[in-house]
Amino acid sequence: KAIVGLREVLNGDIFKNIHEQKPDVIYMDPMFPERQKSALVKKEMRALQALLPEQNDIEKLFEIALKTAIKRVVVKRPRLAPLLSDAKPNFQLTGKSCRFDVYTARQ
Protein backbone atom coordinates (compact mmCIF):
# COMPACT_ATOMS: atom_id res chain seq x y z
CA LYS A 1 0.00 0.00 0.00
CA ALA A 2 1.30 3.42 -0.87
CA ILE A 3 1.13 6.47 1.34
CA VAL A 4 -0.25 9.19 -0.89
CA GLY A 5 0.58 12.83 -0.25
CA LEU A 6 3.33 12.30 2.33
CA ARG A 7 5.77 15.16 1.94
CA GLU A 8 8.06 14.87 4.91
CA VAL A 9 8.21 13.40 8.42
CA LEU A 10 9.74 15.84 10.89
CA ASN A 11 11.66 14.93 14.02
CA GLY A 12 12.85 17.33 16.71
CA ASP A 13 11.74 19.61 19.51
CA ILE A 14 8.21 20.37 18.42
CA PHE A 15 7.81 23.33 20.79
CA LYS A 16 10.66 25.06 18.95
CA ASN A 17 9.91 23.93 15.39
CA ILE A 18 6.13 23.77 15.01
CA HIS A 19 5.68 27.40 13.93
CA GLU A 20 8.41 27.08 11.28
CA GLN A 21 6.44 24.37 9.48
CA LYS A 22 2.86 24.30 8.30
CA PRO A 23 2.10 20.56 8.25
CA ASP A 24 -1.12 19.27 6.72
CA VAL A 25 -1.55 16.74 9.53
CA ILE A 26 -0.09 16.55 13.03
CA TYR A 27 -0.11 13.09 14.62
CA MET A 28 0.25 12.97 18.41
CA ASP A 29 0.94 9.86 20.45
CA PRO A 30 1.26 10.91 24.13
CA MET A 31 2.15 7.27 24.93
CA PHE A 32 1.75 7.29 28.69
CA PRO A 33 -1.61 8.49 30.03
CA GLU A 34 -2.08 8.30 33.77
CA ARG A 35 -2.54 4.73 34.93
CA GLN A 36 -5.31 3.58 37.21
CA LYS A 37 -3.46 0.40 38.15
CA SER A 38 -1.13 0.25 41.16
CA ALA A 39 1.50 -1.96 39.47
CA LEU A 40 4.55 -0.19 38.06
CA VAL A 41 5.36 -0.35 34.37
CA LYS A 42 8.51 -2.18 33.26
CA LYS A 43 11.82 -0.63 34.28
CA GLU A 44 12.78 0.31 30.69
CA MET A 45 9.48 2.14 30.20
CA ARG A 46 9.88 4.05 33.48
CA ALA A 47 13.25 5.31 32.22
CA LEU A 48 11.65 6.46 28.96
CA GLN A 49 8.80 8.16 30.84
CA ALA A 50 11.31 10.19 32.83
CA LEU A 51 12.57 11.75 29.57
CA LEU A 52 9.14 12.80 28.30
CA PRO A 53 7.29 16.05 29.01
CA GLU A 54 4.59 16.27 31.65
CA GLN A 55 1.02 15.48 30.58
CA ASN A 56 0.00 19.14 30.95
CA ASP A 57 2.64 19.94 28.29
CA ILE A 58 0.80 17.47 26.05
CA GLU A 59 -2.40 19.51 26.38
CA LYS A 60 -0.47 22.71 25.60
CA LEU A 61 1.06 21.02 22.55
CA PHE A 62 -2.41 19.84 21.46
CA GLU A 63 -3.72 23.42 21.48
CA ILE A 64 -0.71 24.58 19.46
CA ALA A 65 -1.20 21.69 17.03
CA LEU A 66 -4.84 22.65 16.44
CA LYS A 67 -3.78 26.19 15.54
CA THR A 68 -0.85 25.07 13.35
CA ALA A 69 -2.06 22.07 11.31
CA ILE A 70 -3.57 22.93 7.95
CA LYS A 71 -6.02 20.01 7.74
CA ARG A 72 -6.25 17.94 10.91
CA VAL A 73 -4.75 16.73 14.18
CA VAL A 74 -4.83 13.02 15.05
CA VAL A 75 -4.35 11.94 18.67
CA LYS A 76 -3.72 8.29 19.57
CA ARG A 77 -5.27 7.32 22.91
CA PRO A 78 -6.01 4.13 24.83
CA ARG A 79 -9.49 2.96 23.85
CA LEU A 80 -11.13 3.84 27.19
CA ALA A 81 -9.07 6.94 28.05
CA PRO A 82 -10.76 10.32 28.42
CA LEU A 83 -10.37 12.91 25.68
CA LEU A 84 -7.11 14.84 25.72
CA SER A 85 -8.86 18.17 26.28
CA ASP A 86 -12.36 19.59 26.34
CA ALA A 87 -12.41 19.65 22.53
CA LYS A 88 -14.70 17.01 21.02
CA PRO A 89 -13.13 15.15 18.06
CA ASN A 90 -14.81 15.42 14.66
CA PHE A 91 -14.63 11.62 14.48
CA GLN A 92 -12.91 8.63 16.07
CA LEU A 93 -11.40 5.42 14.75
CA THR A 94 -11.56 2.78 17.47
CA GLY A 95 -9.70 -0.53 17.66
CA LYS A 96 -9.40 -3.22 20.34
CA SER A 97 -6.88 -1.42 22.54
CA CYS A 98 -6.60 2.12 21.21
CA ARG A 99 -8.46 4.80 19.34
CA PHE A 100 -7.57 7.74 17.14
CA ASP A 101 -9.34 11.03 17.87
CA VAL A 102 -9.40 13.16 14.72
CA TYR A 103 -9.86 16.92 14.93
CA THR A 104 -10.36 19.26 12.01
CA ALA A 105 -7.80 22.05 12.30
CA ARG A 106 -8.88 25.53 13.36
CA GLN A 107 -7.50 28.24 11.11
PDB file of N, CA and C in Angstrom:
ATOM      1  N   LYS A   1       0.837  -1.180   0.000  1.00  0.00           N
ATOM      2  CA  LYS A   1       0.000   0.000   0.000  1.00  0.00           C
ATOM      3  C   LYS A   1       0.879   1.240   0.000  1.00  0.00           C
ATOM      4  N   ALA A   2       0.521   2.187  -0.775  1.00  0.00           N
ATOM      5  CA  ALA A   2       1.301   3.420  -0.865  1.00  0.00           C
ATOM      6  C   ALA A   2       0.711   4.479   0.046  1.00  0.00           C
ATOM      7  N   ILE A   3       1.569   5.315   0.569  1.00  0.00           N
ATOM      8  CA  ILE A   3       1.129   6.468   1.340  1.00  0.00           C
ATOM      9  C   ILE A   3       1.095   7.639   0.372  1.00  0.00           C
ATOM     10  N   VAL A   4      -0.083   8.126   0.098  1.00  0.00           N
ATOM     11  CA  VAL A   4      -0.249   9.185  -0.886  1.00  0.00           C
ATOM     12  C   VAL A   4      -0.195  10.543  -0.195  1.00  0.00           C
ATOM     13  N   GLY A   5       0.557  11.459  -0.759  1.00  0.00           N
ATOM     14  CA  GLY A   5       0.580  12.827  -0.254  1.00  0.00           C
ATOM     15  C   GLY A   5       1.563  13.069   0.882  1.00  0.00           C
ATOM     16  N   LEU A   6       2.361  12.099   1.251  1.00  0.00           N
ATOM     17  CA  LEU A   6       3.325  12.300   2.328  1.00  0.00           C
ATOM     18  C   LEU A   6       4.493  13.118   1.801  1.00  0.00           C
ATOM     19  N   ARG A   7       4.674  14.297   2.377  1.00  0.00           N
ATOM     20  CA  ARG A   7       5.770  15.158   1.938  1.00  0.00           C
ATOM     21  C   ARG A   7       7.029  14.924   2.745  1.00  0.00           C
ATOM     22  N   GLU A   8       6.888  14.930   4.066  1.00  0.00           N
ATOM     23  CA  GLU A   8       8.065  14.872   4.914  1.00  0.00           C
ATOM     24  C   GLU A   8       7.643  14.529   6.338  1.00  0.00           C
ATOM     25  N   VAL A   9       8.417  13.690   7.005  1.00  0.00           N
ATOM     26  CA  VAL A   9       8.206  13.403   8.418  1.00  0.00           C
ATOM     27  C   VAL A   9       9.261  14.185   9.178  1.00  0.00           C
ATOM     28  N   LEU A  10       8.828  14.977  10.151  1.00  0.00           N
ATOM     29  CA  LEU A  10       9.743  15.835  10.894  1.00  0.00           C
ATOM     30  C   LEU A  10      10.033  15.246  12.265  1.00  0.00           C
ATOM     31  N   ASN A  11      11.257  15.412  12.720  1.00  0.00           N
ATOM     32  CA  ASN A  11      11.662  14.927  14.023  1.00  0.00           C
ATOM     33  C   ASN A  11      12.428  16.055  14.716  1.00  0.00           C
ATOM     34  N   GLY A  12      12.128  16.288  15.985  1.00  0.00           N
ATOM     35  CA  GLY A  12      12.850  17.329  16.711  1.00  0.00           C
ATOM     36  C   GLY A  12      12.011  17.869  17.842  1.00  0.00           C
ATOM     37  N   ASP A  13      12.460  18.958  18.420  1.00  0.00           N
ATOM     38  CA  ASP A  13      11.740  19.609  19.512  1.00  0.00           C
ATOM     39  C   ASP A  13      10.557  20.368  18.933  1.00  0.00           C
ATOM     40  N   ILE A  14       9.398  19.823  19.059  1.00  0.00           N
ATOM     41  CA  ILE A  14       8.207  20.372  18.421  1.00  0.00           C
ATOM     42  C   ILE A  14       7.848  21.746  18.966  1.00  0.00           C
ATOM     43  N   PHE A  15       8.119  22.014  20.234  1.00  0.00           N
ATOM     44  CA  PHE A  15       7.806  23.326  20.794  1.00  0.00           C
ATOM     45  C   PHE A  15       8.611  24.421  20.092  1.00  0.00           C
ATOM     46  N   LYS A  16       9.824  24.089  19.629  1.00  0.00           N
ATOM     47  CA  LYS A  16      10.662  25.060  18.946  1.00  0.00           C
ATOM     48  C   LYS A  16      10.356  25.134  17.454  1.00  0.00           C
ATOM     49  N   ASN A  17       9.981  24.014  16.844  1.00  0.00           N
ATOM     50  CA  ASN A  17       9.905  23.928  15.394  1.00  0.00           C
ATOM     51  C   ASN A  17       8.505  23.995  14.792  1.00  0.00           C
ATOM     52  N   ILE A  18       7.473  23.909  15.578  1.00  0.00           N
ATOM     53  CA  ILE A  18       6.134  23.769  15.013  1.00  0.00           C
ATOM     54  C   ILE A  18       5.695  24.999  14.218  1.00  0.00           C
ATOM     55  N   HIS A  19       6.106  26.192  14.633  1.00  0.00           N
ATOM     56  CA  HIS A  19       5.677  27.397  13.929  1.00  0.00           C
ATOM     57  C   HIS A  19       6.467  27.623  12.639  1.00  0.00           C
ATOM     58  N   GLU A  20       7.620  26.956  12.496  1.00  0.00           N
ATOM     59  CA  GLU A  20       8.411  27.085  11.280  1.00  0.00           C
ATOM     60  C   GLU A  20       7.806  26.272  10.138  1.00  0.00           C
ATOM     61  N   GLN A  21       7.044  25.254  10.470  1.00  0.00           N
ATOM     62  CA  GLN A  21       6.439  24.373   9.480  1.00  0.00           C
ATOM     63  C   GLN A  21       4.942  24.608   9.459  1.00  0.00           C
ATOM     64  N   LYS A  22       4.309  24.281   8.375  1.00  0.00           N
ATOM     65  CA  LYS A  22       2.858  24.296   8.296  1.00  0.00           C
ATOM     66  C   LYS A  22       2.420  22.916   7.805  1.00  0.00           C
ATOM     67  N   PRO A  23       2.445  21.918   8.689  1.00  0.00           N
ATOM     68  CA  PRO A  23       2.098  20.564   8.253  1.00  0.00           C
ATOM     69  C   PRO A  23       0.605  20.435   7.958  1.00  0.00           C
ATOM     70  N   ASP A  24       0.285  19.566   7.009  1.00  0.00           N
ATOM     71  CA  ASP A  24      -1.121  19.266   6.722  1.00  0.00           C
ATOM     72  C   ASP A  24      -1.756  18.547   7.901  1.00  0.00           C
ATOM     73  N   VAL A  25      -1.034  17.563   8.442  1.00  0.00           N
ATOM     74  CA  VAL A  25      -1.554  16.737   9.533  1.00  0.00           C
ATOM     75  C   VAL A  25      -0.507  16.661  10.638  1.00  0.00           C
ATOM     76  N   ILE A  26      -0.956  16.770  11.872  1.00  0.00           N
ATOM     77  CA  ILE A  26      -0.089  16.549  13.034  1.00  0.00           C
ATOM     78  C   ILE A  26      -0.630  15.327  13.750  1.00  0.00           C
ATOM     79  N   TYR A  27       0.246  14.329  13.939  1.00  0.00           N
ATOM     80  CA  TYR A  27      -0.108  13.089  14.625  1.00  0.00           C
ATOM     81  C   TYR A  27       0.540  13.113  16.002  1.00  0.00           C
ATOM     82  N   MET A  28      -0.269  12.958  17.040  1.00  0.00           N
ATOM     83  CA  MET A  28       0.248  12.972  18.412  1.00  0.00           C
ATOM     84  C   MET A  28       0.012  11.612  19.062  1.00  0.00           C
ATOM     85  N   ASP A  29       1.050  11.104  19.698  1.00  0.00           N
ATOM     86  CA  ASP A  29       0.945   9.860  20.453  1.00  0.00           C
ATOM     87  C   ASP A  29       1.551  10.109  21.826  1.00  0.00           C
ATOM     88  N   PRO A  30       0.732  10.586  22.803  1.00  0.00           N
ATOM     89  CA  PRO A  30       1.262  10.909  24.135  1.00  0.00           C
ATOM     90  C   PRO A  30       1.871   9.712  24.856  1.00  0.00           C
ATOM     91  N   MET A  31       1.554   8.517  24.466  1.00  0.00           N
ATOM     92  CA  MET A  31       2.154   7.266  24.926  1.00  0.00           C
ATOM     93  C   MET A  31       1.798   6.855  26.345  1.00  0.00           C
ATOM     94  N   PHE A  32       1.875   7.712  27.307  1.00  0.00           N
ATOM     95  CA  PHE A  32       1.751   7.290  28.693  1.00  0.00           C
ATOM     96  C   PHE A  32       0.690   8.086  29.444  1.00  0.00           C
ATOM     97  N   PRO A  33      -0.601   7.815  29.210  1.00  0.00           N
ATOM     98  CA  PRO A  33      -1.606   8.492  30.027  1.00  0.00           C
ATOM     99  C   PRO A  33      -1.524   7.979  31.461  1.00  0.00           C
ATOM    100  N   GLU A  34      -2.101   8.725  32.377  1.00  0.00           N
ATOM    101  CA  GLU A  34      -2.079   8.302  33.774  1.00  0.00           C
ATOM    102  C   GLU A  34      -2.707   6.926  33.917  1.00  0.00           C
ATOM    103  N   ARG A  35      -2.056   6.099  34.728  1.00  0.00           N
ATOM    104  CA  ARG A  35      -2.540   4.734  34.934  1.00  0.00           C
ATOM    105  C   ARG A  35      -3.430   4.667  36.161  1.00  0.00           C
ATOM    106  N   GLN A  36      -4.429   3.810  36.086  1.00  0.00           N
ATOM    107  CA  GLN A  36      -5.314   3.582  37.215  1.00  0.00           C
ATOM    108  C   GLN A  36      -4.853   2.382  38.037  1.00  0.00           C
ATOM    109  N   LYS A  37      -3.950   1.600  37.473  1.00  0.00           N
ATOM    110  CA  LYS A  37      -3.463   0.397  38.149  1.00  0.00           C
ATOM    111  C   LYS A  37      -2.343   0.762  39.111  1.00  0.00           C
ATOM    112  N   SER A  38      -2.171  -0.036  40.168  1.00  0.00           N
ATOM    113  CA  SER A  38      -1.133   0.249  41.157  1.00  0.00           C
ATOM    114  C   SER A  38       0.220  -0.349  40.775  1.00  0.00           C
ATOM    115  N   ALA A  39       0.240  -1.330  39.869  1.00  0.00           N
ATOM    116  CA  ALA A  39       1.501  -1.957  39.472  1.00  0.00           C
ATOM    117  C   ALA A  39       2.337  -0.990  38.630  1.00  0.00           C
ATOM    118  N   LEU A  40       3.655  -1.037  38.837  1.00  0.00           N
ATOM    119  CA  LEU A  40       4.550  -0.193  38.064  1.00  0.00           C
ATOM    120  C   LEU A  40       4.731  -0.760  36.654  1.00  0.00           C
ATOM    121  N   VAL A  41       5.025   0.113  35.702  1.00  0.00           N
ATOM    122  CA  VAL A  41       5.356  -0.354  34.365  1.00  0.00           C
ATOM    123  C   VAL A  41       6.774  -0.912  34.394  1.00  0.00           C
ATOM    124  N   LYS A  42       7.176  -1.585  33.321  1.00  0.00           N
ATOM    125  CA  LYS A  42       8.510  -2.177  33.263  1.00  0.00           C
ATOM    126  C   LYS A  42       9.590  -1.116  33.429  1.00  0.00           C
ATOM    127  N   LYS A  43      10.727  -1.534  33.952  1.00  0.00           N
ATOM    128  CA  LYS A  43      11.823  -0.632  34.275  1.00  0.00           C
ATOM    129  C   LYS A  43      12.263   0.206  33.074  1.00  0.00           C
ATOM    130  N   GLU A  44      12.357  -0.413  31.890  1.00  0.00           N
ATOM    131  CA  GLU A  44      12.783   0.308  30.694  1.00  0.00           C
ATOM    132  C   GLU A  44      11.793   1.418  30.348  1.00  0.00           C
ATOM    133  N   MET A  45      10.508   1.148  30.514  1.00  0.00           N
ATOM    134  CA  MET A  45       9.481   2.136  30.197  1.00  0.00           C
ATOM    135  C   MET A  45       9.484   3.275  31.214  1.00  0.00           C
ATOM    136  N   ARG A  46       9.784   2.980  32.474  1.00  0.00           N
ATOM    137  CA  ARG A  46       9.877   4.048  33.475  1.00  0.00           C
ATOM    138  C   ARG A  46      11.011   5.005  33.125  1.00  0.00           C
ATOM    139  N   ALA A  47      12.127   4.465  32.624  1.00  0.00           N
ATOM    140  CA  ALA A  47      13.249   5.310  32.222  1.00  0.00           C
ATOM    141  C   ALA A  47      12.847   6.210  31.053  1.00  0.00           C
ATOM    142  N   LEU A  48      12.106   5.666  30.103  1.00  0.00           N
ATOM    143  CA  LEU A  48      11.646   6.463  28.965  1.00  0.00           C
ATOM    144  C   LEU A  48      10.657   7.531  29.415  1.00  0.00           C
ATOM    145  N   GLN A  49       9.774   7.192  30.334  1.00  0.00           N
ATOM    146  CA  GLN A  49       8.801   8.162  30.843  1.00  0.00           C
ATOM    147  C   GLN A  49       9.476   9.353  31.494  1.00  0.00           C
ATOM    148  N   ALA A  50      10.598   9.114  32.146  1.00  0.00           N
ATOM    149  CA  ALA A  50      11.313  10.192  32.830  1.00  0.00           C
ATOM    150  C   ALA A  50      11.841  11.231  31.836  1.00  0.00           C
ATOM    151  N   LEU A  51      12.045  10.841  30.587  1.00  0.00           N
ATOM    152  CA  LEU A  51      12.569  11.753  29.571  1.00  0.00           C
ATOM    153  C   LEU A  51      11.486  12.562  28.866  1.00  0.00           C
ATOM    154  N   LEU A  52      10.242  12.164  29.027  1.00  0.00           N
ATOM    155  CA  LEU A  52       9.144  12.797  28.301  1.00  0.00           C
ATOM    156  C   LEU A  52       8.567  13.981  29.068  1.00  0.00           C
ATOM    157  N   PRO A  53       7.894  14.899  28.338  1.00  0.00           N
ATOM    158  CA  PRO A  53       7.291  16.051  29.013  1.00  0.00           C
ATOM    159  C   PRO A  53       6.113  15.631  29.879  1.00  0.00           C
ATOM    160  N   GLU A  54       5.743  16.511  30.790  1.00  0.00           N
ATOM    161  CA  GLU A  54       4.593  16.271  31.652  1.00  0.00           C
ATOM    162  C   GLU A  54       3.321  16.226  30.808  1.00  0.00           C
ATOM    163  N   GLN A  55       2.272  15.581  31.319  1.00  0.00           N
ATOM    164  CA  GLN A  55       1.020  15.484  30.583  1.00  0.00           C
ATOM    165  C   GLN A  55       0.403  16.853  30.310  1.00  0.00           C
ATOM    166  N   ASN A  56       0.577  17.832  31.223  1.00  0.00           N
ATOM    167  CA  ASN A  56       0.002  19.140  30.951  1.00  0.00           C
ATOM    168  C   ASN A  56       0.719  19.825  29.786  1.00  0.00           C
ATOM    169  N   ASP A  57       1.977  19.461  29.498  1.00  0.00           N
ATOM    170  CA  ASP A  57       2.643  19.942  28.292  1.00  0.00           C
ATOM    171  C   ASP A  57       1.995  19.350  27.056  1.00  0.00           C
ATOM    172  N   ILE A  58       1.473  18.135  27.175  1.00  0.00           N
ATOM    173  CA  ILE A  58       0.800  17.474  26.055  1.00  0.00           C
ATOM    174  C   ILE A  58      -0.455  18.270  25.680  1.00  0.00           C
ATOM    175  N   GLU A  59      -1.201  18.724  26.668  1.00  0.00           N
ATOM    176  CA  GLU A  59      -2.401  19.511  26.377  1.00  0.00           C
ATOM    177  C   GLU A  59      -2.033  20.854  25.741  1.00  0.00           C
ATOM    178  N   LYS A  60      -0.949  21.457  26.195  1.00  0.00           N
ATOM    179  CA  LYS A  60      -0.474  22.708  25.599  1.00  0.00           C
ATOM    180  C   LYS A  60      -0.074  22.455  24.139  1.00  0.00           C
ATOM    181  N   LEU A  61       0.642  21.374  23.902  1.00  0.00           N
ATOM    182  CA  LEU A  61       1.057  21.018  22.549  1.00  0.00           C
ATOM    183  C   LEU A  61      -0.158  20.750  21.660  1.00  0.00           C
ATOM    184  N   PHE A  62      -1.190  20.119  22.217  1.00  0.00           N
ATOM    185  CA  PHE A  62      -2.410  19.841  21.464  1.00  0.00           C
ATOM    186  C   PHE A  62      -3.056  21.145  20.991  1.00  0.00           C
ATOM    187  N   GLU A  63      -3.140  22.127  21.864  1.00  0.00           N
ATOM    188  CA  GLU A  63      -3.724  23.415  21.481  1.00  0.00           C
ATOM    189  C   GLU A  63      -2.897  24.092  20.388  1.00  0.00           C
ATOM    190  N   ILE A  64      -1.582  24.025  20.490  1.00  0.00           N
ATOM    191  CA  ILE A  64      -0.712  24.581  19.459  1.00  0.00           C
ATOM    192  C   ILE A  64      -0.904  23.836  18.145  1.00  0.00           C
ATOM    193  N   ALA A  65      -1.011  22.509  18.231  1.00  0.00           N
ATOM    194  CA  ALA A  65      -1.201  21.695  17.029  1.00  0.00           C
ATOM    195  C   ALA A  65      -2.493  22.063  16.307  1.00  0.00           C
ATOM    196  N   LEU A  66      -3.573  22.276  17.057  1.00  0.00           N
ATOM    197  CA  LEU A  66      -4.843  22.651  16.436  1.00  0.00           C
ATOM    198  C   LEU A  66      -4.746  23.972  15.685  1.00  0.00           C
ATOM    199  N   LYS A  67      -3.934  24.879  16.189  1.00  0.00           N
ATOM    200  CA  LYS A  67      -3.780  26.187  15.541  1.00  0.00           C
ATOM    201  C   LYS A  67      -2.802  26.140  14.366  1.00  0.00           C
ATOM    202  N   THR A  68      -1.924  25.131  14.344  1.00  0.00           N
ATOM    203  CA  THR A  68      -0.853  25.072  13.355  1.00  0.00           C
ATOM    204  C   THR A  68      -1.169  24.168  12.167  1.00  0.00           C
ATOM    205  N   ALA A  69      -1.798  23.022  12.398  1.00  0.00           N
ATOM    206  CA  ALA A  69      -2.062  22.068  11.315  1.00  0.00           C
ATOM    207  C   ALA A  69      -3.002  22.672  10.282  1.00  0.00           C
ATOM    208  N   ILE A  70      -2.735  22.401   9.030  1.00  0.00           N
ATOM    209  CA  ILE A  70      -3.568  22.930   7.953  1.00  0.00           C
ATOM    210  C   ILE A  70      -4.878  22.144   7.849  1.00  0.00           C
ATOM    211  N   LYS A  71      -4.814  20.817   7.946  1.00  0.00           N
ATOM    212  CA  LYS A  71      -6.023  20.008   7.744  1.00  0.00           C
ATOM    213  C   LYS A  71      -6.563  19.374   9.014  1.00  0.00           C
ATOM    214  N   ARG A  72      -5.723  18.632   9.731  1.00  0.00           N
ATOM    215  CA  ARG A  72      -6.247  17.937  10.913  1.00  0.00           C
ATOM    216  C   ARG A  72      -5.151  17.566  11.901  1.00  0.00           C
ATOM    217  N   VAL A  73      -5.614  17.238  13.114  1.00  0.00           N
ATOM    218  CA  VAL A  73      -4.753  16.730  14.178  1.00  0.00           C
ATOM    219  C   VAL A  73      -5.313  15.375  14.585  1.00  0.00           C
ATOM    220  N   VAL A  74      -4.438  14.376  14.658  1.00  0.00           N
ATOM    221  CA  VAL A  74      -4.832  13.024  15.049  1.00  0.00           C
ATOM    222  C   VAL A  74      -4.134  12.696  16.358  1.00  0.00           C
ATOM    223  N   VAL A  75      -4.908  12.269  17.355  1.00  0.00           N
ATOM    224  CA  VAL A  75      -4.349  11.940  18.674  1.00  0.00           C
ATOM    225  C   VAL A  75      -4.632  10.472  18.972  1.00  0.00           C
ATOM    226  N   LYS A  76      -3.576   9.708  19.205  1.00  0.00           N
ATOM    227  CA  LYS A  76      -3.719   8.295  19.569  1.00  0.00           C
ATOM    228  C   LYS A  76      -3.918   8.213  21.075  1.00  0.00           C
ATOM    229  N   ARG A  77      -4.941   7.466  21.485  1.00  0.00           N
ATOM    230  CA  ARG A  77      -5.266   7.323  22.909  1.00  0.00           C
ATOM    231  C   ARG A  77      -5.615   5.872  23.208  1.00  0.00           C
ATOM    232  N   PRO A  78      -5.459   5.427  24.455  1.00  0.00           N
ATOM    233  CA  PRO A  78      -6.012   4.130  24.834  1.00  0.00           C
ATOM    234  C   PRO A  78      -7.528   4.150  24.596  1.00  0.00           C
ATOM    235  N   ARG A  79      -8.086   3.033  24.250  1.00  0.00           N
ATOM    236  CA  ARG A  79      -9.490   2.959  23.845  1.00  0.00           C
ATOM    237  C   ARG A  79     -10.441   3.574  24.861  1.00  0.00           C
ATOM    238  N   LEU A  80     -10.208   3.371  26.150  1.00  0.00           N
ATOM    239  CA  LEU A  80     -11.131   3.837  27.186  1.00  0.00           C
ATOM    240  C   LEU A  80     -10.674   5.123  27.879  1.00  0.00           C
ATOM    241  N   ALA A  81      -9.598   5.724  27.416  1.00  0.00           N
ATOM    242  CA  ALA A  81      -9.066   6.943  28.051  1.00  0.00           C
ATOM    243  C   ALA A  81      -9.977   8.136  27.776  1.00  0.00           C
ATOM    244  N   PRO A  82      -9.985   9.103  28.685  1.00  0.00           N
ATOM    245  CA  PRO A  82     -10.760  10.321  28.423  1.00  0.00           C
ATOM    246  C   PRO A  82     -10.139  11.113  27.275  1.00  0.00           C
ATOM    247  N   LEU A  83     -10.885  12.052  26.736  1.00  0.00           N
ATOM    248  CA  LEU A  83     -10.371  12.911  25.677  1.00  0.00           C
ATOM    249  C   LEU A  83      -9.191  13.717  26.204  1.00  0.00           C
ATOM    250  N   LEU A  84      -8.315  14.113  25.318  1.00  0.00           N
ATOM    251  CA  LEU A  84      -7.112  14.839  25.716  1.00  0.00           C
ATOM    252  C   LEU A  84      -7.444  16.211  26.285  1.00  0.00           C
ATOM    253  N   SER A  85      -8.447  16.870  25.759  1.00  0.00           N
ATOM    254  CA  SER A  85      -8.857  18.171  26.279  1.00  0.00           C
ATOM    255  C   SER A  85     -10.379  18.237  26.201  1.00  0.00           C
ATOM    256  N   ASP A  86     -10.913  19.427  26.401  1.00  0.00           N
ATOM    257  CA  ASP A  86     -12.361  19.592  26.335  1.00  0.00           C
ATOM    258  C   ASP A  86     -12.890  19.562  24.906  1.00  0.00           C
ATOM    259  N   ALA A  87     -11.997  19.645  23.934  1.00  0.00           N
ATOM    260  CA  ALA A  87     -12.415  19.646  22.530  1.00  0.00           C
ATOM    261  C   ALA A  87     -12.947  18.272  22.133  1.00  0.00           C
ATOM    262  N   LYS A  88     -14.106  18.262  21.486  1.00  0.00           N
ATOM    263  CA  LYS A  88     -14.703  17.009  21.019  1.00  0.00           C
ATOM    264  C   LYS A  88     -14.155  16.710  19.621  1.00  0.00           C
ATOM    265  N   PRO A  89     -13.665  15.471  19.381  1.00  0.00           N
ATOM    266  CA  PRO A  89     -13.134  15.148  18.056  1.00  0.00           C
ATOM    267  C   PRO A  89     -14.239  15.161  16.999  1.00  0.00           C
ATOM    268  N   ASN A  90     -13.859  15.458  15.762  1.00  0.00           N
ATOM    269  CA  ASN A  90     -14.815  15.417  14.664  1.00  0.00           C
ATOM    270  C   ASN A  90     -15.240  13.984  14.373  1.00  0.00           C
ATOM    271  N   PHE A  91     -14.293  13.037  14.542  1.00  0.00           N
ATOM    272  CA  PHE A  91     -14.631  11.618  14.476  1.00  0.00           C
ATOM    273  C   PHE A  91     -13.539  10.808  15.144  1.00  0.00           C
ATOM    274  N   GLN A  92     -13.844   9.530  15.407  1.00  0.00           N
ATOM    275  CA  GLN A  92     -12.907   8.627  16.073  1.00  0.00           C
ATOM    276  C   GLN A  92     -12.813   7.324  15.297  1.00  0.00           C
ATOM    277  N   LEU A  93     -11.625   6.754  15.281  1.00  0.00           N
ATOM    278  CA  LEU A  93     -11.401   5.417  14.752  1.00  0.00           C
ATOM    279  C   LEU A  93     -10.996   4.566  15.947  1.00  0.00           C
ATOM    280  N   THR A  94     -11.790   3.554  16.259  1.00  0.00           N
ATOM    281  CA  THR A  94     -11.565   2.775  17.470  1.00  0.00           C
ATOM    282  C   THR A  94     -11.192   1.334  17.143  1.00  0.00           C
ATOM    283  N   GLY A  95     -10.138   0.854  17.807  1.00  0.00           N
ATOM    284  CA  GLY A  95      -9.701  -0.527  17.664  1.00  0.00           C
ATOM    285  C   GLY A  95      -9.904  -1.269  18.969  1.00  0.00           C
ATOM    286  N   LYS A  96      -9.255  -2.415  19.121  1.00  0.00           N
ATOM    287  CA  LYS A  96      -9.400  -3.225  20.336  1.00  0.00           C
ATOM    288  C   LYS A  96      -8.763  -2.572  21.552  1.00  0.00           C
ATOM    289  N   SER A  97      -7.577  -1.972  21.381  1.00  0.00           N
ATOM    290  CA  SER A  97      -6.882  -1.419  22.539  1.00  0.00           C
ATOM    291  C   SER A  97      -6.652   0.087  22.467  1.00  0.00           C
ATOM    292  N   CYS A  98      -6.817   0.678  21.310  1.00  0.00           N
ATOM    293  CA  CYS A  98      -6.598   2.123  21.210  1.00  0.00           C
ATOM    294  C   CYS A  98      -7.605   2.747  20.253  1.00  0.00           C
ATOM    295  N   ARG A  99      -7.603   4.070  20.264  1.00  0.00           N
ATOM    296  CA  ARG A  99      -8.459   4.800  19.337  1.00  0.00           C
ATOM    297  C   ARG A  99      -7.689   6.016  18.831  1.00  0.00           C
ATOM    298  N   PHE A 100      -8.156   6.551  17.724  1.00  0.00           N
ATOM    299  CA  PHE A 100      -7.574   7.740  17.141  1.00  0.00           C
ATOM    300  C   PHE A 100      -8.647   8.808  17.115  1.00  0.00           C
ATOM    301  N   ASP A 101      -8.428   9.890  17.852  1.00  0.00           N
ATOM    302  CA  ASP A 101      -9.340  11.029  17.866  1.00  0.00           C
ATOM    303  C   ASP A 101      -8.867  11.979  16.774  1.00  0.00           C
ATOM    304  N   VAL A 102      -9.756  12.308  15.852  1.00  0.00           N
ATOM    305  CA  VAL A 102      -9.401  13.155  14.721  1.00  0.00           C
ATOM    306  C   VAL A 102     -10.126  14.486  14.821  1.00  0.00           C
ATOM    307  N   TYR A 103      -9.351  15.557  14.797  1.00  0.00           N
ATOM    308  CA  TYR A 103      -9.859  16.918  14.932  1.00  0.00           C
ATOM    309  C   TYR A 103      -9.579  17.686  13.660  1.00  0.00           C
ATOM    310  N   THR A 104     -10.573  18.369  13.131  1.00  0.00           N
ATOM    311  CA  THR A 104     -10.361  19.263  12.010  1.00  0.00           C
ATOM    312  C   THR A 104      -9.650  20.504  12.535  1.00  0.00           C
ATOM    313  N   ALA A 105      -8.613  20.924  11.838  1.00  0.00           N
ATOM    314  CA  ALA A 105      -7.798  22.046  12.299  1.00  0.00           C
ATOM    315  C   ALA A 105      -8.583  23.342  12.297  1.00  0.00           C
ATOM    316  N   ARG A 106      -8.284  24.199  13.271  1.00  0.00           N
ATOM    317  CA  ARG A 106      -8.876  25.534  13.358  1.00  0.00           C
ATOM    318  C   ARG A 106      -7.925  26.526  12.728  1.00  0.00           C
ATOM    319  N   GLN A 107      -8.386  27.256  11.770  1.00  0.00           N
ATOM    320  CA  GLN A 107      -7.504  28.240  11.113  1.00  0.00           C
ATOM    321  C   GLN A 107      -7.947  29.642  11.449  1.00  0.00           C
TER     322      GLN A 107
END
